[in-house]
N, C-alpha and C. Protein backbone atom coordinates (compact mmCIF):
# COMPACT_ATOMS: atom_id res chain seq x y z
N UNK A 1 -44.92 -68.45 -10.10
CA UNK A 1 -45.94 -69.33 -9.62
C UNK A 1 -47.27 -68.59 -9.53
N UNK A 2 -47.26 -67.34 -9.16
CA UNK A 2 -48.50 -66.57 -9.07
C UNK A 2 -49.14 -66.42 -10.44
N UNK A 3 -48.33 -66.28 -11.46
CA UNK A 3 -48.89 -66.14 -12.80
C UNK A 3 -49.62 -67.41 -13.22
N UNK A 4 -49.09 -68.56 -12.88
CA UNK A 4 -49.73 -69.81 -13.25
C UNK A 4 -51.09 -69.94 -12.56
N UNK A 5 -51.16 -69.56 -11.28
CA UNK A 5 -52.42 -69.64 -10.55
C UNK A 5 -53.43 -68.65 -11.11
N UNK A 6 -52.97 -67.48 -11.45
CA UNK A 6 -53.85 -66.46 -12.01
C UNK A 6 -54.40 -66.93 -13.36
N UNK A 7 -53.56 -67.53 -14.18
CA UNK A 7 -53.98 -68.02 -15.48
C UNK A 7 -54.97 -69.18 -15.33
N UNK A 8 -54.74 -70.04 -14.37
CA UNK A 8 -55.62 -71.17 -14.17
C UNK A 8 -57.01 -70.70 -13.77
N UNK A 9 -57.08 -69.70 -12.93
CA UNK A 9 -58.38 -69.16 -12.51
C UNK A 9 -59.09 -68.51 -13.69
N UNK A 10 -58.35 -67.80 -14.49
CA UNK A 10 -58.94 -67.10 -15.62
C UNK A 10 -59.52 -68.07 -16.65
N UNK A 11 -58.81 -69.12 -16.96
CA UNK A 11 -59.28 -70.05 -17.98
C UNK A 11 -60.32 -71.01 -17.43
N UNK A 12 -60.33 -71.22 -16.12
CA UNK A 12 -61.25 -72.17 -15.51
C UNK A 12 -62.70 -71.70 -15.59
N UNK A 13 -62.93 -70.41 -15.36
CA UNK A 13 -64.30 -69.91 -15.28
C UNK A 13 -64.48 -68.69 -16.19
N UNK A 14 -64.44 -68.91 -17.48
CA UNK A 14 -64.53 -67.81 -18.43
C UNK A 14 -65.92 -67.19 -18.45
N UNK A 15 -66.94 -67.98 -18.18
CA UNK A 15 -68.31 -67.46 -18.18
C UNK A 15 -68.49 -66.44 -17.06
N UNK A 16 -67.96 -66.72 -15.88
CA UNK A 16 -68.05 -65.78 -14.76
C UNK A 16 -67.24 -64.52 -15.05
N UNK A 17 -66.10 -64.68 -15.69
CA UNK A 17 -65.28 -63.53 -16.03
C UNK A 17 -65.98 -62.64 -17.04
N UNK A 18 -66.68 -63.22 -17.99
CA UNK A 18 -67.42 -62.44 -18.98
C UNK A 18 -68.59 -61.72 -18.32
N UNK A 19 -69.24 -62.36 -17.37
CA UNK A 19 -70.36 -61.73 -16.66
C UNK A 19 -69.88 -60.59 -15.77
N UNK A 20 -68.69 -60.70 -15.22
CA UNK A 20 -68.15 -59.66 -14.34
C UNK A 20 -67.92 -58.35 -15.09
N UNK A 21 -67.73 -58.41 -16.37
CA UNK A 21 -67.51 -57.20 -17.17
C UNK A 21 -68.78 -56.36 -17.30
N UNK A 22 -69.92 -56.91 -16.94
CA UNK A 22 -71.19 -56.19 -17.02
C UNK A 22 -71.46 -55.32 -15.79
N UNK A 23 -70.59 -55.35 -14.80
CA UNK A 23 -70.78 -54.60 -13.56
C UNK A 23 -69.80 -53.43 -13.52
N UNK A 24 -70.24 -52.31 -12.93
CA UNK A 24 -69.45 -51.09 -12.88
C UNK A 24 -69.49 -50.51 -11.47
N UNK A 25 -68.37 -49.97 -11.02
CA UNK A 25 -68.36 -49.27 -9.74
C UNK A 25 -68.71 -47.81 -10.01
N UNK A 26 -69.74 -47.33 -9.32
CA UNK A 26 -70.22 -45.96 -9.52
C UNK A 26 -70.02 -45.18 -8.23
N UNK A 27 -69.48 -43.99 -8.34
CA UNK A 27 -69.27 -43.12 -7.19
C UNK A 27 -70.07 -41.85 -7.44
N UNK A 28 -70.97 -41.54 -6.50
CA UNK A 28 -71.87 -40.40 -6.65
C UNK A 28 -71.63 -39.40 -5.51
N UNK A 29 -71.33 -38.14 -5.82
CA UNK A 29 -71.20 -37.15 -4.76
C UNK A 29 -72.58 -36.70 -4.28
N UNK A 30 -72.73 -36.61 -2.96
CA UNK A 30 -73.99 -36.19 -2.37
C UNK A 30 -73.68 -35.04 -1.40
N UNK A 31 -74.38 -33.94 -1.56
CA UNK A 31 -74.13 -32.77 -0.72
C UNK A 31 -74.99 -32.84 0.53
N UNK A 32 -74.38 -32.62 1.68
CA UNK A 32 -75.09 -32.63 2.94
C UNK A 32 -75.87 -31.33 3.09
N UNK A 33 -77.18 -31.42 3.37
CA UNK A 33 -77.96 -30.18 3.53
C UNK A 33 -77.58 -29.42 4.80
N UNK A 34 -77.05 -30.11 5.77
CA UNK A 34 -76.72 -29.50 7.05
C UNK A 34 -75.42 -28.69 6.98
N UNK A 35 -74.36 -29.30 6.46
CA UNK A 35 -73.05 -28.65 6.45
C UNK A 35 -72.64 -28.13 5.08
N UNK A 36 -73.22 -28.66 4.03
CA UNK A 36 -72.83 -28.26 2.68
C UNK A 36 -71.64 -29.03 2.15
N UNK A 37 -71.08 -29.91 2.97
CA UNK A 37 -69.93 -30.72 2.55
C UNK A 37 -70.41 -31.89 1.69
N UNK A 38 -69.52 -32.37 0.85
CA UNK A 38 -69.86 -33.50 -0.01
C UNK A 38 -69.45 -34.82 0.66
N UNK A 39 -70.29 -35.81 0.52
CA UNK A 39 -69.96 -37.18 0.86
C UNK A 39 -70.14 -37.99 -0.42
N UNK A 40 -69.61 -39.18 -0.43
CA UNK A 40 -69.66 -39.98 -1.64
C UNK A 40 -70.32 -41.31 -1.36
N UNK A 41 -71.25 -41.68 -2.23
CA UNK A 41 -71.90 -42.99 -2.16
C UNK A 41 -71.30 -43.85 -3.26
N UNK A 42 -70.84 -45.02 -2.87
CA UNK A 42 -70.26 -45.96 -3.82
C UNK A 42 -71.14 -47.19 -3.93
N UNK A 43 -71.26 -47.71 -5.13
CA UNK A 43 -72.03 -48.93 -5.33
C UNK A 43 -71.51 -49.64 -6.57
N UNK A 44 -71.66 -50.94 -6.57
CA UNK A 44 -71.35 -51.74 -7.75
C UNK A 44 -72.69 -52.08 -8.39
N UNK A 45 -72.88 -51.55 -9.60
CA UNK A 45 -74.18 -51.60 -10.26
C UNK A 45 -74.02 -52.26 -11.63
N UNK A 46 -75.07 -52.94 -12.07
CA UNK A 46 -75.05 -53.50 -13.43
C UNK A 46 -75.00 -52.35 -14.43
N UNK A 47 -74.30 -52.55 -15.51
CA UNK A 47 -74.07 -51.44 -16.46
C UNK A 47 -75.36 -50.87 -17.04
N UNK A 48 -76.44 -51.64 -17.05
CA UNK A 48 -77.71 -51.14 -17.58
C UNK A 48 -78.43 -50.22 -16.59
N UNK A 49 -78.05 -50.23 -15.33
CA UNK A 49 -78.75 -49.47 -14.30
C UNK A 49 -77.94 -48.32 -13.73
N UNK A 50 -76.88 -47.92 -14.40
CA UNK A 50 -76.03 -46.83 -13.92
C UNK A 50 -76.80 -45.51 -13.91
N UNK A 51 -77.55 -45.21 -14.96
CA UNK A 51 -78.30 -43.96 -15.03
C UNK A 51 -79.37 -43.89 -13.95
N UNK A 52 -79.97 -45.03 -13.64
CA UNK A 52 -80.99 -45.05 -12.56
C UNK A 52 -80.34 -44.73 -11.21
N UNK A 53 -79.15 -45.26 -10.97
CA UNK A 53 -78.46 -45.00 -9.72
C UNK A 53 -78.08 -43.52 -9.60
N UNK A 54 -77.61 -42.94 -10.67
CA UNK A 54 -77.20 -41.54 -10.63
C UNK A 54 -78.39 -40.59 -10.56
N UNK A 55 -79.55 -41.02 -11.04
CA UNK A 55 -80.74 -40.17 -11.02
C UNK A 55 -81.37 -40.06 -9.64
N UNK A 56 -81.14 -41.04 -8.78
CA UNK A 56 -81.73 -41.02 -7.44
C UNK A 56 -81.11 -39.97 -6.58
């Protein structure tokens, strides 16, 4: 039954599914100046703006 629901959602809104492929999850390590330990910043960014996010 779950497969049928999953298939129905997929075929119902193909335009939204195609648009979702243009987004990427980016994880950037950032070093703390105080302790020297790394923290990570996560963001969901459009695939055309990944380099801008990593450059900041």
